[in-house]
Amino acid sequence: MRAPIIVLTIILVSVLVAVAVPKLTGQVQMRDRMAHLGLSSTSTRLIGVLEVAAIVGLLVGLVWPPLGIAAAVGLAMQMIGAAIFHARAKDPVPVAVVPVVFAVAAAALAVLHVLNG
């Protein structure tokens, strides 16, 4: 059961890197997308920091599962929050569903860590 944990971790980390870097560097397109959701540039950077923390937690979780579990649960909660913000902004359903998919993936990773013991 170790292979699914590694694969899911790599997928989640890859996605998080792709979304965290523009938030942390303040790229205009990301600032505009986050402003559309009602978030300030300070909030955007804070979310980027949380995403980097999740990246570190998921990767360290490969050798110390309790941290991987905590990071995956935190990421799932953050993605649920993202889905709520997209829904409030009346974004199209596919846009709001994307973070839900990643929340489910993060929750699945936490469960896999628990089952792996």
N, C-alpha and C. Protein backbone atom coordinates (compact mmCIF):
# COMPACT_ATOMS: atom_id res chain seq x y z
N MET A 1 0.83 -1.20 0.00
CA MET A 1 0.00 0.00 0.00
C MET A 1 0.87 1.26 0.00
N ARG A 2 2.15 1.11 -0.01
CA ARG A 2 3.06 2.26 0.00
C ARG A 2 3.05 3.01 -1.34
N ALA A 3 2.95 2.30 -2.45
CA ALA A 3 2.99 2.95 -3.77
C ALA A 3 1.87 3.97 -3.95
N PRO A 4 0.62 3.67 -3.58
CA PRO A 4 -0.43 4.68 -3.73
C PRO A 4 -0.16 5.94 -2.90
N ILE A 5 0.45 5.77 -1.74
CA ILE A 5 0.78 6.93 -0.90
C ILE A 5 1.80 7.81 -1.62
N ILE A 6 2.80 7.19 -2.19
CA ILE A 6 3.84 7.95 -2.89
C ILE A 6 3.27 8.65 -4.11
N VAL A 7 2.48 7.93 -4.90
CA VAL A 7 1.90 8.52 -6.12
C VAL A 7 0.97 9.68 -5.78
N LEU A 8 0.09 9.49 -4.81
CA LEU A 8 -0.85 10.54 -4.44
C LEU A 8 -0.11 11.75 -3.86
N THR A 9 0.92 11.50 -3.10
CA THR A 9 1.73 12.59 -2.55
C THR A 9 2.37 13.39 -3.68
N ILE A 10 2.94 12.71 -4.66
CA ILE A 10 3.59 13.40 -5.78
C ILE A 10 2.58 14.23 -6.56
N ILE A 11 1.40 13.69 -6.79
CA ILE A 11 0.36 14.43 -7.52
C ILE A 11 -0.04 15.68 -6.75
N LEU A 12 -0.33 15.53 -5.47
CA LEU A 12 -0.76 16.68 -4.67
C LEU A 12 0.34 17.73 -4.56
N VAL A 13 1.58 17.28 -4.34
CA VAL A 13 2.69 18.23 -4.24
C VAL A 13 2.87 18.98 -5.55
N SER A 14 2.76 18.28 -6.67
CA SER A 14 2.92 18.93 -7.98
C SER A 14 1.87 20.03 -8.18
N VAL A 15 0.65 19.72 -7.84
CA VAL A 15 -0.43 20.70 -7.99
C VAL A 15 -0.20 21.87 -7.04
N LEU A 16 0.19 21.58 -5.82
CA LEU A 16 0.40 22.65 -4.84
C LEU A 16 1.54 23.58 -5.25
N VAL A 17 2.61 23.02 -5.79
CA VAL A 17 3.71 23.87 -6.25
C VAL A 17 3.20 24.82 -7.34
N ALA A 18 2.39 24.28 -8.25
CA ALA A 18 1.88 25.07 -9.37
C ALA A 18 0.98 26.21 -8.92
N VAL A 19 0.28 26.04 -7.81
CA VAL A 19 -0.61 27.12 -7.35
C VAL A 19 0.01 27.98 -6.25
N ALA A 20 0.95 27.43 -5.49
CA ALA A 20 1.56 28.20 -4.40
C ALA A 20 2.55 29.25 -4.91
N VAL A 21 3.34 28.89 -5.89
CA VAL A 21 4.37 29.82 -6.38
C VAL A 21 3.76 31.13 -6.90
N PRO A 22 2.73 31.08 -7.74
CA PRO A 22 2.13 32.36 -8.19
C PRO A 22 1.54 33.18 -7.04
N LYS A 23 1.03 32.51 -6.03
CA LYS A 23 0.48 33.24 -4.87
C LYS A 23 1.60 33.92 -4.10
N LEU A 24 2.69 33.21 -3.89
CA LEU A 24 3.80 33.77 -3.11
C LEU A 24 4.55 34.87 -3.85
N THR A 25 4.63 34.74 -5.16
CA THR A 25 5.36 35.74 -5.94
C THR A 25 4.48 36.92 -6.35
N GLY A 26 3.19 36.83 -6.05
CA GLY A 26 2.27 37.94 -6.35
C GLY A 26 2.03 38.15 -7.83
N GLN A 27 2.03 37.08 -8.60
CA GLN A 27 1.78 37.21 -10.04
C GLN A 27 0.42 37.86 -10.27
N VAL A 28 0.37 38.76 -11.22
CA VAL A 28 -0.82 39.57 -11.48
C VAL A 28 -2.04 38.70 -11.75
N GLN A 29 -1.90 37.68 -12.58
CA GLN A 29 -3.04 36.83 -12.90
C GLN A 29 -3.60 36.16 -11.65
N MET A 30 -2.72 35.69 -10.76
CA MET A 30 -3.19 35.06 -9.53
C MET A 30 -3.84 36.09 -8.61
N ARG A 31 -3.24 37.28 -8.51
CA ARG A 31 -3.85 38.33 -7.68
C ARG A 31 -5.24 38.67 -8.17
N ASP A 32 -5.42 38.74 -9.50
CA ASP A 32 -6.73 39.04 -10.06
C ASP A 32 -7.73 37.92 -9.75
N ARG A 33 -7.30 36.67 -9.90
CA ARG A 33 -8.20 35.54 -9.61
C ARG A 33 -8.59 35.52 -8.14
N MET A 34 -7.66 35.81 -7.27
CA MET A 34 -7.96 35.80 -5.84
C MET A 34 -8.82 37.01 -5.45
N ALA A 35 -8.59 38.14 -6.09
CA ALA A 35 -9.43 39.32 -5.83
C ALA A 35 -10.87 39.03 -6.25
N HIS A 36 -11.03 38.29 -7.33
CA HIS A 36 -12.37 37.88 -7.79
C HIS A 36 -13.08 37.09 -6.68
N LEU A 37 -12.31 36.35 -5.89
CA LEU A 37 -12.89 35.57 -4.78
C LEU A 37 -13.06 36.40 -3.52
N GLY A 38 -12.61 37.65 -3.56
CA GLY A 38 -12.74 38.53 -2.41
C GLY A 38 -11.56 38.48 -1.46
N LEU A 39 -10.42 38.01 -1.94
CA LEU A 39 -9.24 37.87 -1.08
C LEU A 39 -8.20 38.93 -1.41
N SER A 40 -7.62 39.49 -0.37
CA SER A 40 -6.58 40.51 -0.55
C SER A 40 -5.26 39.85 -0.93
N SER A 41 -4.30 40.69 -1.31
CA SER A 41 -2.98 40.15 -1.65
C SER A 41 -2.31 39.55 -0.42
N THR A 42 -2.57 40.10 0.75
CA THR A 42 -2.02 39.53 1.98
C THR A 42 -2.61 38.15 2.24
N SER A 43 -3.91 38.02 2.08
CA SER A 43 -4.56 36.72 2.25
C SER A 43 -4.05 35.72 1.23
N THR A 44 -3.83 36.20 0.01
CA THR A 44 -3.33 35.33 -1.05
C THR A 44 -1.96 34.79 -0.69
N ARG A 45 -1.09 35.65 -0.20
CA ARG A 45 0.25 35.18 0.20
C ARG A 45 0.16 34.23 1.38
N LEU A 46 -0.74 34.49 2.33
CA LEU A 46 -0.91 33.58 3.47
C LEU A 46 -1.35 32.20 2.98
N ILE A 47 -2.25 32.15 2.04
CA ILE A 47 -2.68 30.87 1.48
C ILE A 47 -1.51 30.18 0.80
N GLY A 48 -0.68 30.95 0.10
CA GLY A 48 0.52 30.39 -0.52
C GLY A 48 1.46 29.79 0.51
N VAL A 49 1.62 30.47 1.63
CA VAL A 49 2.47 29.95 2.72
C VAL A 49 1.88 28.65 3.27
N LEU A 50 0.57 28.61 3.45
CA LEU A 50 -0.08 27.39 3.94
C LEU A 50 0.10 26.25 2.94
N GLU A 51 0.06 26.57 1.66
CA GLU A 51 0.26 25.54 0.64
C GLU A 51 1.69 25.02 0.66
N VAL A 52 2.66 25.90 0.89
CA VAL A 52 4.06 25.45 1.02
C VAL A 52 4.21 24.58 2.26
N ALA A 53 3.55 24.96 3.35
CA ALA A 53 3.59 24.12 4.55
C ALA A 53 3.00 22.75 4.27
N ALA A 54 1.93 22.71 3.48
CA ALA A 54 1.33 21.42 3.10
C ALA A 54 2.30 20.60 2.26
N ILE A 55 3.00 21.26 1.35
CA ILE A 55 3.99 20.56 0.53
C ILE A 55 5.04 19.90 1.42
N VAL A 56 5.59 20.67 2.33
CA VAL A 56 6.61 20.15 3.24
C VAL A 56 6.04 19.01 4.08
N GLY A 57 4.84 19.20 4.61
CA GLY A 57 4.21 18.18 5.44
C GLY A 57 3.93 16.89 4.68
N LEU A 58 3.46 17.02 3.45
CA LEU A 58 3.18 15.82 2.65
C LEU A 58 4.47 15.07 2.33
N LEU A 59 5.53 15.81 2.00
CA LEU A 59 6.80 15.15 1.66
C LEU A 59 7.45 14.51 2.89
N VAL A 60 7.47 15.23 3.99
CA VAL A 60 8.02 14.66 5.23
C VAL A 60 7.15 13.49 5.69
N GLY A 61 5.87 13.56 5.38
CA GLY A 61 4.95 12.49 5.73
C GLY A 61 5.30 11.16 5.08
N LEU A 62 6.09 11.19 4.04
CA LEU A 62 6.53 9.93 3.42
C LEU A 62 7.47 9.16 4.35
N VAL A 63 8.16 9.88 5.24
CA VAL A 63 9.04 9.20 6.21
C VAL A 63 8.49 9.25 7.63
N TRP A 64 7.62 10.20 7.91
CA TRP A 64 6.98 10.30 9.23
C TRP A 64 5.48 10.50 9.01
N PRO A 65 4.74 9.40 8.89
CA PRO A 65 3.32 9.46 8.54
C PRO A 65 2.44 10.39 9.38
N PRO A 66 2.67 10.57 10.69
CA PRO A 66 1.78 11.49 11.42
C PRO A 66 1.76 12.90 10.83
N LEU A 67 2.91 13.36 10.34
CA LEU A 67 2.93 14.69 9.72
C LEU A 67 2.21 14.67 8.38
N GLY A 68 2.35 13.57 7.65
CA GLY A 68 1.63 13.43 6.38
C GLY A 68 0.14 13.44 6.58
N ILE A 69 -0.32 12.79 7.64
CA ILE A 69 -1.75 12.77 7.96
C ILE A 69 -2.23 14.18 8.27
N ALA A 70 -1.49 14.88 9.13
CA ALA A 70 -1.88 16.24 9.51
C ALA A 70 -1.91 17.17 8.30
N ALA A 71 -0.88 17.06 7.45
CA ALA A 71 -0.82 17.91 6.26
C ALA A 71 -1.97 17.60 5.31
N ALA A 72 -2.27 16.32 5.13
CA ALA A 72 -3.35 15.94 4.22
C ALA A 72 -4.70 16.42 4.73
N VAL A 73 -4.93 16.30 6.03
CA VAL A 73 -6.20 16.78 6.62
C VAL A 73 -6.29 18.30 6.48
N GLY A 74 -5.21 19.00 6.79
CA GLY A 74 -5.20 20.46 6.64
C GLY A 74 -5.43 20.89 5.20
N LEU A 75 -4.82 20.18 4.27
CA LEU A 75 -5.01 20.48 2.86
C LEU A 75 -6.46 20.23 2.43
N ALA A 76 -7.04 19.14 2.90
CA ALA A 76 -8.44 18.85 2.58
C ALA A 76 -9.35 19.99 3.08
N MET A 77 -9.09 20.46 4.28
CA MET A 77 -9.89 21.56 4.82
C MET A 77 -9.70 22.84 4.01
N GLN A 78 -8.47 23.11 3.62
CA GLN A 78 -8.20 24.30 2.81
C GLN A 78 -8.91 24.21 1.46
N MET A 79 -8.91 23.04 0.86
CA MET A 79 -9.56 22.87 -0.44
C MET A 79 -11.08 23.00 -0.33
N ILE A 80 -11.64 22.54 0.76
CA ILE A 80 -13.08 22.74 0.99
C ILE A 80 -13.38 24.23 1.10
N GLY A 81 -12.52 24.95 1.81
CA GLY A 81 -12.67 26.40 1.90
C GLY A 81 -12.58 27.06 0.53
N ALA A 82 -11.66 26.59 -0.31
CA ALA A 82 -11.52 27.14 -1.66
C ALA A 82 -12.80 26.91 -2.47
N ALA A 83 -13.37 25.72 -2.34
CA ALA A 83 -14.61 25.41 -3.06
C ALA A 83 -15.73 26.34 -2.61
N ILE A 84 -15.79 26.62 -1.32
CA ILE A 84 -16.82 27.53 -0.79
C ILE A 84 -16.64 28.93 -1.37
N PHE A 85 -15.39 29.41 -1.41
CA PHE A 85 -15.13 30.73 -1.98
C PHE A 85 -15.53 30.79 -3.45
N HIS A 86 -15.22 29.72 -4.20
CA HIS A 86 -15.60 29.69 -5.62
C HIS A 86 -17.13 29.69 -5.77
N ALA A 87 -17.80 28.95 -4.91
CA ALA A 87 -19.27 28.90 -4.98
C ALA A 87 -19.86 30.27 -4.65
N ARG A 88 -19.32 30.92 -3.62
CA ARG A 88 -19.81 32.26 -3.25
C ARG A 88 -19.60 33.27 -4.37
N ALA A 89 -18.51 33.10 -5.12
CA ALA A 89 -18.22 34.02 -6.22
C ALA A 89 -19.03 33.67 -7.47
N LYS A 90 -19.87 32.64 -7.34
CA LYS A 90 -20.72 32.17 -8.43
C LYS A 90 -19.89 31.75 -9.66
N ASP A 91 -18.75 31.13 -9.39
CA ASP A 91 -17.93 30.58 -10.47
C ASP A 91 -18.66 29.38 -11.07
N PRO A 92 -18.34 29.03 -12.31
CA PRO A 92 -18.97 27.85 -12.91
C PRO A 92 -18.70 26.61 -12.07
N VAL A 93 -19.64 25.67 -12.10
CA VAL A 93 -19.53 24.45 -11.29
C VAL A 93 -18.20 23.74 -11.48
N PRO A 94 -17.70 23.55 -12.71
CA PRO A 94 -16.42 22.85 -12.85
C PRO A 94 -15.27 23.54 -12.10
N VAL A 95 -15.31 24.87 -12.02
CA VAL A 95 -14.26 25.61 -11.30
C VAL A 95 -14.37 25.33 -9.80
N ALA A 96 -15.58 25.29 -9.27
CA ALA A 96 -15.79 25.04 -7.85
C ALA A 96 -15.53 23.59 -7.48
N VAL A 97 -15.68 22.68 -8.43
CA VAL A 97 -15.50 21.25 -8.15
C VAL A 97 -14.02 20.86 -8.08
N VAL A 98 -13.16 21.58 -8.78
CA VAL A 98 -11.74 21.22 -8.80
C VAL A 98 -11.16 21.13 -7.39
N PRO A 99 -11.34 22.14 -6.52
CA PRO A 99 -10.79 21.99 -5.18
C PRO A 99 -11.44 20.85 -4.39
N VAL A 100 -12.69 20.53 -4.69
CA VAL A 100 -13.35 19.40 -4.02
C VAL A 100 -12.64 18.10 -4.38
N VAL A 101 -12.26 17.97 -5.65
CA VAL A 101 -11.54 16.77 -6.09
C VAL A 101 -10.22 16.64 -5.33
N PHE A 102 -9.51 17.76 -5.18
CA PHE A 102 -8.25 17.70 -4.44
C PHE A 102 -8.46 17.50 -2.94
N ALA A 103 -9.58 17.97 -2.41
CA ALA A 103 -9.91 17.69 -1.01
C ALA A 103 -10.12 16.20 -0.81
N VAL A 104 -10.83 15.58 -1.74
CA VAL A 104 -11.05 14.13 -1.66
C VAL A 104 -9.72 13.39 -1.77
N ALA A 105 -8.86 13.83 -2.68
CA ALA A 105 -7.55 13.19 -2.84
C ALA A 105 -6.72 13.33 -1.56
N ALA A 106 -6.75 14.50 -0.95
CA ALA A 106 -6.00 14.71 0.29
C ALA A 106 -6.56 13.84 1.41
N ALA A 107 -7.89 13.76 1.50
CA ALA A 107 -8.51 12.91 2.52
C ALA A 107 -8.16 11.44 2.28
N ALA A 108 -8.15 11.03 1.02
CA ALA A 108 -7.77 9.65 0.69
C ALA A 108 -6.33 9.38 1.10
N LEU A 109 -5.45 10.36 0.91
CA LEU A 109 -4.06 10.19 1.33
C LEU A 109 -3.97 10.02 2.84
N ALA A 110 -4.72 10.81 3.58
CA ALA A 110 -4.71 10.66 5.03
C ALA A 110 -5.18 9.27 5.44
N VAL A 111 -6.24 8.79 4.80
CA VAL A 111 -6.76 7.44 5.10
C VAL A 111 -5.72 6.38 4.76
N LEU A 112 -5.07 6.53 3.62
CA LEU A 112 -4.04 5.56 3.23
C LEU A 112 -2.90 5.53 4.24
N HIS A 113 -2.50 6.70 4.73
CA HIS A 113 -1.45 6.74 5.76
C HIS A 113 -1.90 5.98 7.01
N VAL A 114 -3.14 6.22 7.42
CA VAL A 114 -3.66 5.54 8.62
C VAL A 114 -3.71 4.03 8.41
N LEU A 115 -4.21 3.61 7.26
CA LEU A 115 -4.32 2.18 6.99
C LEU A 115 -2.95 1.51 6.86
N ASN A 116 -1.98 2.30 6.40
CA ASN A 116 -0.63 1.76 6.23
C ASN A 116 0.07 1.57 7.57
N GLY A 117 -0.48 2.24 8.59
CA GLY A 117 0.02 2.06 9.95
C GLY A 117 1.30 2.74 10.19
